[in-house]
Protein backbone atom coordinates (compact mmCIF):
# COMPACT_ATOMS: atom_id res chain seq x y z
CA UNK A 1 2.98 4.54 -10.81
CA UNK A 2 0.75 3.55 -13.86
CA UNK A 3 -1.14 0.47 -13.32
CA UNK A 4 0.32 -3.11 -14.77
CA UNK A 5 -2.06 -5.95 -15.11
CA UNK A 6 -1.23 -8.88 -14.07
CA UNK A 7 -1.39 -11.58 -16.78
CA UNK A 8 -3.98 -14.26 -15.88
CA UNK A 9 -5.07 -17.32 -16.81
CA UNK A 10 -8.55 -18.56 -15.53
CA UNK A 11 -8.93 -22.45 -15.08
CA UNK A 12 -11.88 -24.35 -13.70
CA UNK A 13 -14.50 -23.11 -12.15
CA UNK A 14 -15.78 -21.02 -8.80
CA UNK A 15 -14.62 -22.88 -5.61
CA UNK A 16 -13.99 -22.51 -1.90
CA UNK A 17 -11.38 -19.60 -1.28
CA UNK A 18 -9.82 -19.37 1.85
CA UNK A 19 -8.52 -15.61 1.96
CA UNK A 20 -7.75 -13.36 5.05
CA UNK A 21 -6.88 -9.73 5.55
CA UNK A 22 -4.45 -7.81 7.95
CA UNK A 23 -5.03 -3.61 9.02
CA UNK A 24 -2.63 -1.89 6.37
CA UNK A 25 0.51 0.82 6.83
CA UNK A 26 2.12 3.44 4.66
CA UNK A 27 4.97 2.20 2.78
CA UNK A 28 7.24 4.65 4.66
CA UNK A 29 10.76 2.85 4.59
CA UNK A 30 10.48 0.56 1.43
CA UNK A 31 9.59 2.61 -1.30
CA UNK A 32 12.46 3.16 -3.69
CA UNK A 33 12.66 6.41 -2.76
CA UNK A 34 13.89 5.74 0.36
CA UNK A 35 17.75 5.42 1.60
CA UNK A 36 19.05 2.54 2.26
CA UNK A 37 20.84 -0.74 0.46
CA UNK A 38 21.07 -0.97 -3.44
CA UNK A 39 18.67 -4.22 -3.03
CA UNK A 40 15.56 -2.02 -2.38
CA UNK A 41 15.77 0.04 -5.54
CA UNK A 42 15.59 -1.06 -8.94
CA UNK A 43 18.92 -2.23 -10.40
CA UNK A 44 19.08 -2.32 -14.47
CA UNK A 45 22.03 -4.98 -14.28
CA UNK A 46 20.07 -7.37 -12.22
CA UNK A 47 18.79 -10.36 -14.27
CA UNK A 48 15.10 -10.38 -14.18
CA UNK A 49 13.91 -14.01 -12.63
CA UNK A 50 10.73 -15.71 -13.37
CA UNK A 51 7.56 -17.29 -11.28
CA UNK A 52 4.41 -18.24 -11.90
CA UNK A 53 2.14 -18.68 -8.76
CA UNK A 54 -1.18 -20.49 -8.75
CA UNK A 55 -4.25 -19.23 -6.81
CA UNK A 56 -7.89 -19.41 -6.78
CA UNK A 57 -9.79 -16.41 -8.39
CA UNK A 58 -11.93 -15.82 -6.05
CA UNK A 59 -9.59 -14.76 -3.89
CA UNK A 60 -7.29 -11.82 -3.42
CA UNK A 61 -3.82 -11.95 -4.37
CA UNK A 62 -3.09 -8.57 -2.62
CA UNK A 63 0.22 -8.55 -1.85
CA UNK A 64 0.55 -8.92 -5.73
CA UNK A 65 -1.56 -6.67 -7.01
CA UNK A 66 0.18 -4.13 -5.05
CA UNK A 67 4.09 -4.96 -5.55
CA UNK A 68 3.06 -5.20 -9.30
CA UNK A 69 0.94 -2.00 -8.98
CA UNK A 70 3.31 0.03 -7.63
CA UNK A 71 6.97 -1.45 -8.96
CA UNK A 72 8.06 -3.69 -6.42
CA UNK A 73 8.58 -6.97 -8.59
CA UNK A 74 10.25 -5.18 -10.61
CA UNK A 75 12.84 -3.31 -8.18
CA UNK A 76 13.43 -6.60 -6.85
CA UNK A 77 14.30 -8.35 -10.11
CA UNK A 78 11.51 -10.66 -10.42
CA UNK A 79 8.31 -11.42 -12.79
CA UNK A 80 5.31 -13.06 -11.41
CA UNK A 81 2.56 -14.70 -13.81
CA UNK A 82 -0.38 -15.74 -12.21
CA UNK A 83 -2.40 -18.85 -12.63
CA UNK A 84 -5.83 -18.87 -11.27
CA UNK A 85 -7.00 -22.86 -10.52
CA UNK A 86 -9.48 -22.84 -8.27
CA UNK A 87 -9.72 -26.67 -7.59
CA UNK A 88 -7.01 -27.34 -4.61
CA UNK A 89 -6.65 -30.70 -6.71
CA UNK A 90 -5.79 -29.45 -9.81
CA UNK A 91 -3.51 -26.81 -8.26
CA UNK A 92 -1.42 -29.94 -6.83
CA UNK A 93 -1.16 -31.46 -10.20
CA UNK A 94 -0.18 -28.37 -11.68
CA UNK A 95 2.64 -27.47 -9.05
CA UNK A 96 3.92 -31.25 -9.73
CA UNK A 97 3.78 -31.68 -12.86
CA UNK A 98 5.80 -28.48 -13.27
CA UNK A 99 3.13 -26.15 -14.88
CA UNK A 100 3.11 -23.52 -11.89
CA UNK A 101 6.05 -23.00 -9.50
CA UNK A 102 4.13 -22.04 -6.29
CA UNK A 103 0.99 -22.58 -4.74
CA UNK A 104 -0.74 -19.26 -2.85
CA UNK A 105 -4.06 -19.63 -1.57
CA UNK A 106 -5.27 -23.18 -0.94
CA UNK A 107 -5.44 -22.91 3.06
CA UNK A 108 -3.06 -24.88 5.15
CA UNK A 109 -5.04 -28.36 6.14
CA UNK A 110 -4.79 -29.40 2.25
CA UNK A 111 -1.32 -28.78 2.23
CA UNK A 112 -0.65 -30.50 5.29
CA UNK A 113 -2.46 -33.27 4.27
CA UNK A 114 -0.66 -33.62 0.92
CA UNK A 115 2.35 -33.48 2.79
CA UNK A 116 1.57 -36.13 5.09
CA UNK A 117 0.63 -38.85 2.58
CA UNK A 118 4.53 -38.38 1.52
CA UNK A 119 4.29 -35.86 -1.35
CA UNK A 120 7.37 -33.42 -1.89
CA UNK A 121 5.99 -29.95 -1.04
CA UNK A 122 8.05 -27.33 0.88
CA UNK A 123 6.02 -24.60 2.93
CA UNK A 124 8.09 -21.33 2.91
CA UNK A 125 5.79 -18.41 3.72
CA UNK A 126 2.40 -17.45 4.42
CA UNK A 127 -0.10 -15.30 2.91
CA UNK A 128 -3.11 -14.95 5.82
CA UNK A 129 -2.68 -15.79 8.92
CA UNK A 130 -6.27 -15.97 9.65
CA UNK A 131 -8.73 -16.60 7.21
CA UNK A 132 -12.80 -15.50 7.45
CA UNK A 133 -14.67 -18.53 7.71
CA UNK A 134 -18.23 -17.72 9.50
CA UNK A 135 -20.56 -20.46 10.64
CA UNK A 136 -23.79 -19.66 9.18
CA UNK A 137 -27.38 -20.07 10.33
CA UNK A 138 -30.77 -18.98 10.25
CA UNK A 139 -31.72 -15.88 12.49
CA UNK A 140 -34.43 -18.51 14.22
CA UNK A 141 -31.57 -20.78 14.56
CA UNK A 142 -30.42 -20.35 18.54
CA UNK A 143 -26.46 -20.12 18.82
CA UNK A 144 -25.04 -18.71 22.65
CA UNK A 145 -21.84 -20.56 22.43
CA UNK A 146 -20.25 -23.72 21.10
CA UNK A 147 -22.11 -26.13 23.19
CA UNK A 148 -25.13 -25.02 20.57
CA UNK A 149 -23.53 -27.23 18.04
CA UNK A 150 -23.92 -30.16 20.42
CA UNK A 151 -26.37 -32.80 18.49
CA UNK A 152 -26.57 -30.64 15.35
CA UNK A 153 -25.71 -31.01 11.65
CA UNK A 154 -22.85 -28.58 10.26
CA UNK A 155 -22.27 -28.49 7.02
CA UNK A 156 -18.71 -28.32 5.46
CA UNK A 157 -16.20 -28.67 2.36
CA UNK A 158 -13.57 -31.65 3.50
CA UNK A 159 -10.72 -30.69 4.24
CA UNK A 160 -11.01 -26.72 3.81
CA UNK A 161 -10.06 -24.19 6.21
CA UNK A 162 -13.51 -23.98 7.68
CA UNK A 163 -13.34 -27.45 7.75
CA UNK A 164 -10.57 -27.65 9.54
CA UNK A 165 -10.31 -25.08 11.88
CA UNK A 166 -13.82 -25.27 13.18
CA UNK A 167 -13.25 -29.20 13.88
CA UNK A 168 -10.16 -28.26 15.79
CA UNK A 169 -12.28 -25.40 17.65
CA UNK A 170 -14.39 -28.26 18.66
CA UNK A 171 -12.20 -30.90 19.45
CA UNK A 172 -10.06 -28.45 22.34
CA UNK A 173 -13.68 -27.59 23.78
CA UNK A 174 -14.14 -31.60 23.86
CA UNK A 175 -17.55 -31.62 21.97
CA UNK A 176 -16.26 -32.81 18.43
CA UNK A 177 -17.92 -36.03 18.88
CA UNK A 178 -21.20 -34.61 19.95
CA UNK A 179 -21.78 -32.70 16.33
CA UNK A 180 -22.63 -34.89 13.36
CA UNK A 181 -20.81 -32.84 10.12
CA UNK A 182 -22.34 -33.36 6.07
CA UNK A 183 -19.99 -32.86 3.45
CA UNK A 184 -20.57 -30.74 0.62
CA UNK A 185 -18.34 -30.32 -2.44
CA UNK A 186 -19.28 -26.11 -2.96
CA UNK A 187 -19.49 -23.61 -0.47
CA UNK A 188 -22.59 -22.80 -2.38
CA UNK A 189 -24.17 -26.24 -1.81
CA UNK A 190 -23.57 -25.67 2.28
CA UNK A 191 -25.77 -22.38 2.39
CA UNK A 192 -28.41 -23.72 0.57
CA UNK A 193 -28.60 -26.78 2.61
CA UNK A 194 -28.91 -24.37 5.86
CA UNK A 195 -31.35 -22.06 3.70
CA UNK A 196 -33.10 -25.49 3.12
CA UNK A 197 -33.33 -26.61 6.15
CA UNK A 198 -31.56 -29.58 5.79
CA UNK A 199 -28.58 -28.70 8.21
CA UNK A 200 -28.72 -26.44 11.64
CA UNK A 201 -25.21 -24.36 10.42
CA UNK A 202 -22.94 -24.30 7.90
CA UNK A 203 -19.31 -23.35 7.63
CA UNK A 204 -18.14 -21.51 4.27
CA UNK A 205 -14.63 -20.38 3.15
CA UNK A 206 -14.38 -16.77 2.56
CA UNK A 207 -16.25 -14.33 0.29
CA UNK A 208 -19.98 -15.88 0.82
CA UNK A 209 -21.19 -13.19 3.23
CA UNK A 210 -23.71 -11.51 1.01
CA UNK A 211 -24.75 -14.68 -0.54
CA UNK A 212 -25.78 -16.19 2.65
CA UNK A 213 -27.47 -12.71 3.63
CA UNK A 214 -29.22 -13.11 0.37
CA UNK A 215 -30.65 -16.64 1.52
CA UNK A 216 -31.59 -15.30 4.86
CA UNK A 217 -29.05 -16.42 6.76
CA UNK A 218 -26.53 -14.79 9.04
CA UNK A 219 -23.09 -15.66 10.72
CA UNK A 220 -23.29 -17.44 14.16
CA UNK A 221 -20.06 -17.47 15.05
CA UNK A 222 -16.28 -16.89 13.77
CA UNK A 223 -13.86 -19.79 14.38
CA UNK A 224 -10.92 -17.08 14.79
CA UNK A 225 -12.75 -15.77 17.72
CA UNK A 226 -11.54 -19.21 19.53
CA UNK A 227 -9.02 -20.73 17.74
CA UNK A 228 -6.40 -16.68 17.14
CA UNK A 229 -4.11 -16.78 14.50
CA UNK A 230 -5.12 -20.19 13.32
CA UNK A 231 -3.15 -20.36 10.00
CA UNK A 232 -4.86 -19.83 6.59
CA UNK A 233 -3.43 -19.71 3.30
CA UNK A 234 0.71 -20.85 2.75
CA UNK A 235 2.92 -20.56 -0.11
CA UNK A 236 4.26 -23.54 -0.87
CA UNK A 237 6.59 -25.13 -3.59
CA UNK A 238 8.14 -28.31 -4.95
CA UNK A 239 11.11 -29.49 -2.48
CA UNK A 240 13.27 -29.68 -5.47
CA UNK A 241 12.40 -26.00 -6.52
CA UNK A 242 13.13 -24.36 -3.30
CA UNK A 243 16.47 -26.28 -3.17
CA UNK A 244 17.69 -25.17 -6.41
CA UNK A 245 19.62 -21.88 -5.96
CA UNK A 246 18.42 -19.93 -8.68
CA UNK A 247 14.86 -20.84 -8.07
CA UNK A 248 15.31 -19.62 -4.44
CA UNK A 249 16.73 -16.74 -5.10
CA UNK A 250 13.79 -15.75 -7.17
CA UNK A 251 11.19 -17.02 -3.86
CA UNK A 252 13.62 -14.57 -2.15
CA UNK A 253 12.86 -11.61 -4.56
CA UNK A 254 9.13 -12.36 -4.35
CA UNK A 255 9.20 -12.21 -0.53
CA UNK A 256 10.85 -9.05 -0.53
CA UNK A 257 8.04 -7.38 -2.73
CA UNK A 258 5.44 -8.83 -0.65
CA UNK A 259 6.66 -7.89 2.84
CA UNK A 260 6.83 -4.33 1.23
CA UNK A 261 3.55 -4.48 -0.29
CA UNK A 262 2.22 -5.88 3.14
CA UNK A 263 3.43 -2.68 4.65
CA UNK A 264 1.97 -0.41 2.05
CA UNK A 265 -1.07 -2.30 2.55
CA UNK A 266 -1.61 -1.00 6.12
CA UNK A 267 -2.98 2.21 5.18
CA UNK A 268 -4.18 1.82 1.55
CA UNK A 269 -7.14 -0.76 2.13
CA UNK A 270 -9.57 0.97 -0.15
CA UNK A 271 -6.95 0.85 -2.99
CA UNK A 272 -6.19 -2.72 -2.29
CA UNK A 273 -10.22 -3.05 -2.63
CA UNK A 274 -9.62 -1.50 -6.01
CA UNK A 275 -7.14 -3.43 -6.99
CA UNK A 276 -8.65 -6.74 -6.63
CA UNK A 277 -11.86 -5.71 -8.26
CA UNK A 278 -9.79 -4.91 -11.35
CA UNK A 279 -7.39 -7.91 -11.12
CA UNK A 280 -10.58 -10.41 -9.98
CA UNK A 281 -14.27 -11.17 -11.64
CA UNK A 282 -15.37 -9.96 -8.45
CA UNK A 283 -17.86 -7.03 -7.51
CA UNK A 284 -16.50 -4.34 -5.05
CA UNK A 285 -19.01 -5.05 -2.14
CA UNK A 286 -18.03 -8.75 -2.16
CA UNK A 287 -14.47 -7.76 -1.91
CA UNK A 288 -14.87 -5.14 0.55
CA UNK A 289 -16.90 -8.05 2.99
CA UNK A 290 -13.75 -9.87 3.08
CA UNK A 291 -10.78 -7.60 2.22
CA UNK A 292 -12.10 -5.16 5.09
CA UNK A 293 -12.93 -7.80 7.59
CA UNK A 294 -11.80 -7.73 11.15
CA UNK A 295 -11.60 -11.56 10.94
CA UNK A 296 -9.21 -11.57 7.86
CA UNK A 297 -5.49 -11.22 8.33
CA UNK A 298 -3.09 -10.78 5.40
CA UNK A 299 0.76 -12.08 6.83
CA UNK A 300 3.55 -13.01 4.83
CA UNK A 301 5.64 -14.53 7.49
CA UNK A 302 5.54 -18.60 7.48
CA UNK A 303 4.51 -18.68 11.23
CA UNK A 304 5.89 -21.79 11.57
CA UNK A 305 4.28 -22.25 15.30
CA UNK A 306 1.06 -22.05 14.08
CA UNK A 307 1.42 -24.37 11.11
CA UNK A 308 2.79 -27.42 13.53
CA UNK A 309 -0.20 -26.10 15.87
CA UNK A 310 -2.96 -27.18 13.15
CA UNK A 311 -0.40 -30.71 12.17
CA UNK A 312 -1.05 -31.33 15.83
CA UNK A 313 -4.54 -30.56 15.91
CA UNK A 314 -5.39 -32.51 12.50
CA UNK A 315 -3.40 -35.73 13.92
CA UNK A 316 -5.15 -35.47 16.94
CA UNK A 317 -9.01 -35.44 15.27
CA UNK A 318 -7.55 -38.09 12.55
CA UNK A 319 -6.90 -35.67 9.48
CA UNK A 320 -3.38 -36.98 9.58
CA UNK A 321 -2.36 -40.80 10.13
CA UNK A 322 1.48 -41.02 9.26
CA UNK A 323 3.76 -40.68 11.85
CA UNK A 324 6.50 -41.58 9.39
CA UNK A 325 6.34 -37.77 7.80
CA UNK A 326 8.42 -35.33 9.82
CA UNK A 327 6.85 -31.46 9.24
CA UNK A 328 10.30 -30.34 9.80
CA UNK A 329 11.68 -31.66 6.54
CA UNK A 330 9.17 -29.56 4.59
CA UNK A 331 9.23 -26.32 5.81
CA UNK A 332 11.66 -23.90 5.19
CA UNK A 333 11.87 -20.18 6.85
CA UNK A 334 15.44 -19.65 5.80
CA UNK A 335 14.72 -17.59 2.61
CA UNK A 336 11.91 -15.36 4.49
CA UNK A 337 14.13 -15.01 7.25
CA UNK A 338 17.13 -13.99 4.55
CA UNK A 339 14.47 -11.56 3.21
CA UNK A 340 13.51 -9.86 6.18
CA UNK A 341 16.92 -9.35 7.28
CA UNK A 342 18.00 -7.86 4.12
CA UNK A 343 15.19 -5.08 4.37
CA UNK A 344 16.16 -4.09 8.00
CA UNK A 345 19.70 -3.77 6.66
CA UNK A 346 18.15 -1.73 3.80
CA UNK A 347 15.71 0.42 5.55
CA UNK A 348 16.99 0.78 9.30
CA UNK A 349 14.84 3.15 10.51
CA UNK A 350 11.43 1.42 9.14
CA UNK A 351 9.57 0.25 12.26
CA UNK A 352 7.34 -1.93 10.43
CA UNK A 353 10.31 -4.02 8.73
CA UNK A 354 11.89 -4.12 12.24
CA UNK A 355 8.18 -5.63 13.87
CA UNK A 356 8.62 -8.32 11.31
CA UNK A 357 11.67 -9.09 12.32
CA UNK A 358 10.43 -9.21 15.97
CA UNK A 359 7.12 -11.44 14.59
CA UNK A 360 9.29 -13.80 12.66
CA UNK A 361 11.25 -14.46 16.05
CA UNK A 362 8.02 -15.19 18.13
CA UNK A 363 6.31 -16.77 15.24
CA UNK A 364 9.07 -19.22 13.84
CA UNK A 365 12.21 -19.30 16.19
């Protein structure tokens, strides 16, 4: 099938990225040529529904690119317009103002803070369950275990995934109050501060390993080694959007396409790298550094339990103070459940899809 290029709108400058990548799988059962129900194949009579999704242009919308390149979106009867907005605040404003329908790669911590402040947002799926958020230092800076952070300065971008996850790790270790955090606006500023000797360590978002190496820095620790499946980027929309029957149907179709793309990704990582390079203004070496990283896990499952764990940790160390908001009211697993159940029905012999159903039950019920 010929490649269909994503329609893109670039908004704003470079910002923090929250990415993660899973290992990939052959799309044995979920291709349009597989046996199964009619939902998995093109239906000329089905009205095409449209959605717009906001993401950061220095991250990788891997499921979107695969689903578009291999016709899954077309087969499911949905058209997606990507809008690239690098500043999270701008992305939330765009969604609240009706300029985009869905947000995709803006972490978990940021959306949870927005929800805790009373904003009418609903999380309905994931995009990455683990984000590649390394903590850098100079080669001569000693680091043996978490206690090496005690009494040191760590640079972060406030409320970003590196910030929230690292603080969660240190909170669990009982040493959060023994570390000084220095806030910066950009990941590049964090790295430069480490290189200049202003701080001992710096935690950044995905995609900065090559820049760090150019500054003479090295990875000292990976937060996901201590907090497994910590929840990274979630997919969310306005409460009223997912409550609308037609809009919910559009989300359902996108999730079916993305689940199929997730399966295809497992055994086609080189192609995924090529798709990200083609769709974004990133060089191949940078894309490979995070797409193929063992610390990056793309996963479309909502993973409710992981999100609620992060919510509780953020309450524990003071990032969420409002006890009046019930996160249950802002979480929807029903649409994803419908999507995965329909794929199980359409492709009963596909082990990957069957395993995704089991995964959903473990992570969400």
